[in-house]
Amino acid sequence: MVFQYYRQFRSWALGIAMLGALTQVQAQTGGSSASYRIGAGDEIRISVYGQPELTAETQVSADGMVMVPLLGNLPIAGSTSAAAALVAGRYEQGNVLKNAQVNLLVTKYRSQVVAILGKVNSPGKLVLEGPTSLTQALAWAGGIAANGSERLVLMRTAPDGRQERTEYDLQQLLNQEAEPLPTVWLRNGDTLYVPNAGRFYLNGEVHSPGMYSLDRPLNVRQALSAGGGPTARASESSVKVFRQQAGGSVQELRAKPDDRVLDGDVLVVKESLF
């Protein structure tokens, strides 16, 4: 029963946190183009102050080029501010305009995409319309599903082509006041994966023996609380952990309250002799 209430509270609390992150995502989409890096497939609008005839709406080609009035094809892949400065510079260098003031706006974002997979409520591909953090992307995907883990896996391609795998604890990312961490910003080509929640088992002198979801980092004390805590007959100083090893053998360990519980662990609370 206690664990059921925890699950309900977890869903409610994470929902509130994810709603806050989603609000930040929505707030960014209107004014983030200045820091956005233009890529192939994006649609843009180029305008020149005082020169309405030079306004153009075009799409970035696969090689990062766009057709600019009076200048022809120009390579503008990169930041919007740098692209606007490039166009203005070319107008001035070609003696077409003096003191050209160019504005460049992304009208459709299509080039920067991340995949959100695994145990989320709405998996899919997210088009980045500006700086987007890991928690904001998770909010876009509807948050973690009921059988998902709060251990998040980010897959990213390194400059040398290798796949880098990094794990994050969602609670730590959301609880910035207690433990400030650098914001995890997503990049084009990233994959965010939410695995299945693990399992652990309680047996012996606990109020509710059985199997429980290991959807967040737990120590032995917290795991026992999930089962309603030890009974009056329990010896809290005599908790055993049975843990399967890589070769298939089972190791018996004497557990301490702050020891980490791993996926598949069986916790047995012995009866007190007195």
Protein backbone atom coordinates (compact mmCIF):
# COMPACT_ATOMS: atom_id res chain seq x y z
CA MET A 1 0.00 0.00 0.00
CA VAL A 2 2.79 2.42 0.92
CA PHE A 3 4.56 1.70 -2.35
CA GLN A 4 1.32 2.20 -4.28
CA TYR A 5 0.93 5.64 -2.71
CA TYR A 6 4.55 6.37 -3.59
CA ARG A 7 3.94 5.44 -7.22
CA GLN A 8 0.92 7.75 -7.36
CA PHE A 9 2.86 10.58 -5.73
CA ARG A 10 5.85 9.98 -8.05
CA SER A 11 3.61 10.26 -11.12
CA TRP A 12 2.01 13.44 -9.78
CA ALA A 13 5.30 15.05 -8.74
CA LEU A 14 7.08 14.19 -11.97
CA GLY A 15 4.07 15.39 -13.91
CA ILE A 16 4.30 18.82 -12.25
CA ALA A 17 8.05 18.99 -12.89
CA MET A 18 7.66 17.89 -16.50
CA LEU A 19 4.87 20.44 -17.01
CA GLY A 20 7.26 23.16 -15.89
CA ALA A 21 9.91 21.91 -18.30
CA LEU A 22 7.37 21.70 -21.13
CA THR A 23 6.32 25.30 -20.49
CA GLN A 24 9.97 26.30 -20.95
CA VAL A 25 10.09 24.39 -24.25
CA GLN A 26 6.98 26.17 -25.52
CA ALA A 27 8.31 29.54 -24.39
CA GLN A 28 11.53 29.00 -26.32
CA THR A 29 10.02 28.22 -29.70
CA GLY A 30 9.06 31.80 -30.44
CA GLY A 31 12.38 33.57 -29.91
CA SER A 32 15.19 31.09 -30.03
CA SER A 33 16.23 31.46 -33.66
CA ALA A 34 19.13 33.76 -32.77
CA SER A 35 21.02 30.89 -31.12
CA TYR A 36 19.75 28.19 -33.49
CA ARG A 37 22.20 26.71 -35.99
CA ILE A 38 20.72 26.58 -39.47
CA GLY A 39 20.95 23.26 -41.27
CA ALA A 40 19.83 21.47 -44.41
CA GLY A 41 16.06 21.39 -44.84
CA ASP A 42 15.33 24.48 -42.75
CA GLU A 43 13.14 27.11 -44.34
CA ILE A 44 14.20 30.73 -43.85
CA ARG A 45 13.06 34.25 -44.61
CA ILE A 46 15.64 36.87 -45.60
CA SER A 47 14.73 40.57 -45.54
CA VAL A 48 16.75 43.76 -45.96
CA TYR A 49 15.76 46.96 -44.19
CA GLY A 50 14.41 49.52 -46.67
CA GLN A 51 14.64 47.04 -49.57
CA PRO A 52 11.37 45.06 -49.69
CA GLU A 53 12.14 43.79 -53.19
CA LEU A 54 15.06 41.80 -51.77
CA THR A 55 12.86 39.80 -49.39
CA ALA A 56 13.08 36.08 -50.06
CA GLU A 57 11.71 32.88 -48.55
CA THR A 58 13.79 29.83 -49.36
CA GLN A 59 14.97 26.44 -48.12
CA VAL A 60 18.49 25.42 -47.19
CA SER A 61 19.81 22.82 -49.62
CA ALA A 62 21.57 19.60 -48.63
CA ASP A 63 24.96 21.32 -48.99
CA GLY A 64 23.94 24.29 -46.82
CA MET A 65 23.30 26.75 -49.67
CA VAL A 66 20.43 29.18 -50.29
CA MET A 67 19.51 31.43 -53.20
CA VAL A 68 19.83 35.11 -52.17
CA PRO A 69 18.43 37.86 -54.44
CA LEU A 70 21.16 39.55 -56.53
CA LEU A 71 23.86 37.37 -54.91
CA GLY A 72 23.05 33.85 -56.06
CA ASN A 73 23.81 30.78 -53.94
CA LEU A 74 25.47 31.44 -50.59
CA PRO A 75 26.56 28.96 -47.88
CA ILE A 76 24.66 29.99 -44.74
CA ALA A 77 24.60 26.84 -42.61
CA GLY A 78 25.45 27.86 -39.05
CA SER A 79 24.02 30.41 -36.63
CA THR A 80 21.34 32.83 -37.81
CA SER A 81 23.31 35.89 -36.71
CA ALA A 82 26.40 34.74 -38.64
CA ALA A 83 24.28 33.97 -41.70
CA ALA A 84 22.67 37.44 -41.63
CA ALA A 85 26.10 39.05 -41.30
CA LEU A 86 27.38 36.99 -44.25
CA VAL A 87 24.55 38.13 -46.51
CA ALA A 88 24.99 41.77 -45.45
CA GLY A 89 28.72 41.56 -46.08
CA ARG A 90 28.23 40.14 -49.56
CA TYR A 91 25.80 42.93 -50.46
CA GLU A 92 28.36 45.51 -49.36
CA GLN A 93 31.36 43.78 -50.96
CA GLY A 94 29.52 43.56 -54.27
CA ASN A 95 28.64 47.26 -54.12
CA VAL A 96 24.97 46.33 -54.23
CA LEU A 97 24.10 48.05 -50.96
CA LYS A 98 25.84 50.24 -48.42
CA ASN A 99 25.39 49.55 -44.72
CA ALA A 100 23.07 46.66 -45.45
CA GLN A 101 20.85 45.67 -42.52
CA VAL A 102 19.83 42.06 -43.05
CA ASN A 103 17.35 40.10 -40.95
CA LEU A 104 17.25 36.31 -41.23
CA LEU A 105 14.45 34.30 -39.63
CA VAL A 106 13.94 30.52 -39.53
CA THR A 107 10.30 29.91 -40.50
CA LYS A 108 10.34 26.10 -40.38
CA TYR A 109 12.76 24.02 -38.32
CA ARG A 110 13.66 20.71 -39.94
CA SER A 111 17.38 20.04 -39.62
CA GLN A 112 18.02 19.44 -35.90
CA VAL A 113 16.35 16.24 -34.71
CA VAL A 114 16.68 14.01 -31.64
CA ALA A 115 15.03 10.63 -31.01
CA ILE A 116 13.22 9.87 -27.75
CA LEU A 117 12.74 6.14 -27.27
CA GLY A 118 11.89 3.55 -24.65
CA LYS A 119 9.45 3.82 -21.78
CA VAL A 120 8.04 7.30 -22.36
CA ASN A 121 4.38 8.09 -22.93
CA SER A 122 4.88 9.50 -26.44
CA PRO A 123 8.11 8.28 -28.07
CA GLY A 124 9.17 9.85 -31.34
CA LYS A 125 11.43 12.38 -33.03
CA LEU A 126 11.68 15.91 -31.66
CA VAL A 127 12.70 18.76 -33.98
CA LEU A 128 14.86 21.18 -32.00
CA GLU A 129 13.58 24.72 -32.45
CA GLY A 130 16.21 26.19 -30.16
CA PRO A 131 18.27 25.21 -27.10
CA THR A 132 16.47 22.20 -25.59
CA SER A 133 17.50 20.41 -22.41
CA LEU A 134 17.17 16.72 -21.65
CA THR A 135 14.33 17.31 -19.17
CA GLN A 136 12.47 19.55 -21.62
CA ALA A 137 12.69 16.85 -24.30
CA LEU A 138 11.38 14.32 -21.81
CA ALA A 139 8.44 16.63 -21.09
CA TRP A 140 7.73 16.85 -24.82
CA ALA A 141 7.52 13.04 -24.89
CA GLY A 142 4.89 13.05 -22.17
CA GLY A 143 7.21 12.05 -19.35
CA ILE A 144 8.23 8.60 -18.15
CA ALA A 145 5.69 5.78 -18.54
CA ALA A 146 4.48 3.84 -15.50
CA ASN A 147 6.94 1.01 -16.13
CA GLY A 148 9.86 3.27 -17.02
CA SER A 149 13.00 3.98 -15.06
CA GLU A 150 14.19 7.37 -13.82
CA ARG A 151 17.65 6.35 -15.03
CA LEU A 152 17.96 8.14 -18.38
CA VAL A 153 20.38 7.06 -21.10
CA LEU A 154 21.73 9.58 -23.62
CA MET A 155 23.44 8.25 -26.74
CA ARG A 156 25.57 10.75 -28.68
CA THR A 157 27.98 10.48 -31.61
CA ALA A 158 31.43 11.83 -30.71
CA PRO A 159 33.48 13.88 -33.21
CA ASP A 160 35.54 10.76 -34.01
CA GLY A 161 32.40 8.79 -34.85
CA ARG A 162 32.25 6.72 -31.66
CA GLN A 163 28.97 6.30 -29.80
CA GLU A 164 29.06 7.81 -26.32
CA ARG A 165 26.66 6.55 -23.65
CA THR A 166 25.92 8.68 -20.57
CA GLU A 167 23.43 7.91 -17.79
CA TYR A 168 21.54 10.54 -15.78
CA ASP A 169 19.33 10.40 -12.70
CA LEU A 170 16.12 12.31 -13.40
CA GLN A 171 15.60 13.29 -9.76
CA GLN A 172 19.03 14.89 -9.64
CA LEU A 173 18.38 16.79 -12.87
CA LEU A 174 15.06 18.12 -11.55
CA ASN A 175 16.25 18.89 -8.03
CA GLN A 176 18.59 21.73 -8.95
CA GLU A 177 18.19 23.54 -5.61
CA ALA A 178 19.48 20.64 -3.54
CA GLU A 179 22.24 19.59 -5.92
CA PRO A 180 22.97 22.04 -8.75
CA LEU A 181 24.11 20.25 -11.91
CA PRO A 182 25.03 21.60 -15.36
CA THR A 183 22.06 21.62 -17.72
CA VAL A 184 22.22 18.77 -20.24
CA TRP A 185 21.57 20.34 -23.66
CA LEU A 186 20.60 18.08 -26.55
CA ARG A 187 22.28 18.13 -29.95
CA ASN A 188 21.27 17.10 -33.42
CA GLY A 189 21.41 13.31 -33.76
CA ASP A 190 21.13 12.54 -30.02
CA THR A 191 19.04 9.62 -28.81
CA LEU A 192 17.38 9.76 -25.39
CA TYR A 193 16.38 6.33 -24.11
CA VAL A 194 14.30 5.47 -21.04
CA PRO A 195 14.80 1.79 -20.07
CA ASN A 196 12.42 -0.49 -18.21
CA ALA A 197 12.39 -0.06 -14.46
CA GLY A 198 14.33 -2.79 -12.66
CA ARG A 199 12.92 -5.12 -10.00
CA PHE A 200 13.84 -6.12 -6.47
CA TYR A 201 12.24 -8.56 -4.05
CA LEU A 202 11.44 -8.39 -0.33
CA ASN A 203 11.08 -11.47 1.86
CA GLY A 204 11.05 -12.35 5.53
CA GLU A 205 9.95 -10.02 8.29
CA VAL A 206 8.50 -7.13 6.26
CA HIS A 207 4.87 -6.09 6.23
CA SER A 208 4.37 -6.60 2.48
CA PRO A 209 6.76 -9.15 0.97
CA GLY A 210 6.84 -9.33 -2.81
CA MET A 211 8.29 -7.87 -5.99
CA TYR A 212 8.79 -4.11 -6.36
CA SER A 213 9.76 -1.78 -9.16
CA LEU A 214 13.27 -0.32 -9.03
CA ASP A 215 12.44 2.82 -11.00
CA ARG A 216 14.85 5.11 -9.17
CA PRO A 217 18.04 4.72 -7.13
CA LEU A 218 17.22 3.12 -3.76
CA ASN A 219 19.24 2.08 -0.74
CA VAL A 220 18.32 -0.81 1.56
CA ARG A 221 16.45 1.42 4.02
CA GLN A 222 14.31 2.92 1.26
CA ALA A 223 13.66 -0.50 -0.28
CA LEU A 224 12.36 -1.85 3.04
CA SER A 225 10.08 1.17 3.34
CA ALA A 226 8.56 0.28 -0.03
CA GLY A 227 7.37 -2.96 1.59
CA GLY A 228 5.85 -1.21 4.58
CA GLY A 229 8.99 -1.53 6.66
CA PRO A 230 10.15 -4.33 8.97
CA THR A 231 7.66 -6.06 11.28
CA ALA A 232 7.86 -5.97 15.06
CA ARG A 233 9.63 -9.34 14.98
CA ALA A 234 12.31 -8.18 12.55
CA SER A 235 15.97 -7.74 13.24
CA GLU A 236 16.86 -4.60 11.29
CA SER A 237 20.53 -5.32 11.85
CA SER A 238 20.21 -8.67 10.11
CA VAL A 239 19.20 -7.95 6.51
CA LYS A 240 20.60 -10.22 3.83
CA VAL A 241 20.92 -9.40 0.14
CA PHE A 242 21.07 -12.22 -2.38
CA ARG A 243 22.56 -10.95 -5.63
CA GLN A 244 23.07 -12.89 -8.86
CA GLN A 245 26.55 -12.62 -10.35
CA ALA A 246 27.55 -12.47 -14.00
CA GLY A 247 28.33 -16.18 -14.10
CA GLY A 248 24.94 -17.16 -12.69
CA SER A 249 26.00 -17.81 -9.10
CA VAL A 250 24.21 -16.07 -6.23
CA GLN A 251 26.19 -14.08 -3.69
CA GLU A 252 24.91 -13.58 -0.14
CA LEU A 253 25.74 -10.20 1.39
CA ARG A 254 25.12 -8.64 4.77
CA ALA A 255 23.29 -5.40 3.93
CA LYS A 256 23.82 -2.00 5.50
CA PRO A 257 20.99 0.59 5.49
CA ASP A 258 22.76 2.85 2.99
CA ASP A 259 23.86 0.09 0.59
CA ARG A 260 22.59 0.51 -2.99
CA VAL A 261 19.91 -1.93 -4.18
CA LEU A 262 20.54 -3.35 -7.65
CA ASP A 263 18.20 -4.79 -10.24
CA GLY A 264 17.27 -8.38 -9.33
CA ASP A 265 18.33 -8.15 -5.66
CA VAL A 266 16.45 -10.25 -3.10
CA LEU A 267 16.33 -8.65 0.37
CA VAL A 268 15.56 -10.96 3.27
CA VAL A 269 14.85 -9.56 6.73
CA LYS A 270 15.66 -12.06 9.46
CA GLU A 271 13.56 -12.54 12.58
CA SER A 272 14.99 -11.20 15.81
CA LEU A 273 16.13 -13.85 18.27
CA PHE A 274 14.99 -11.79 21.25
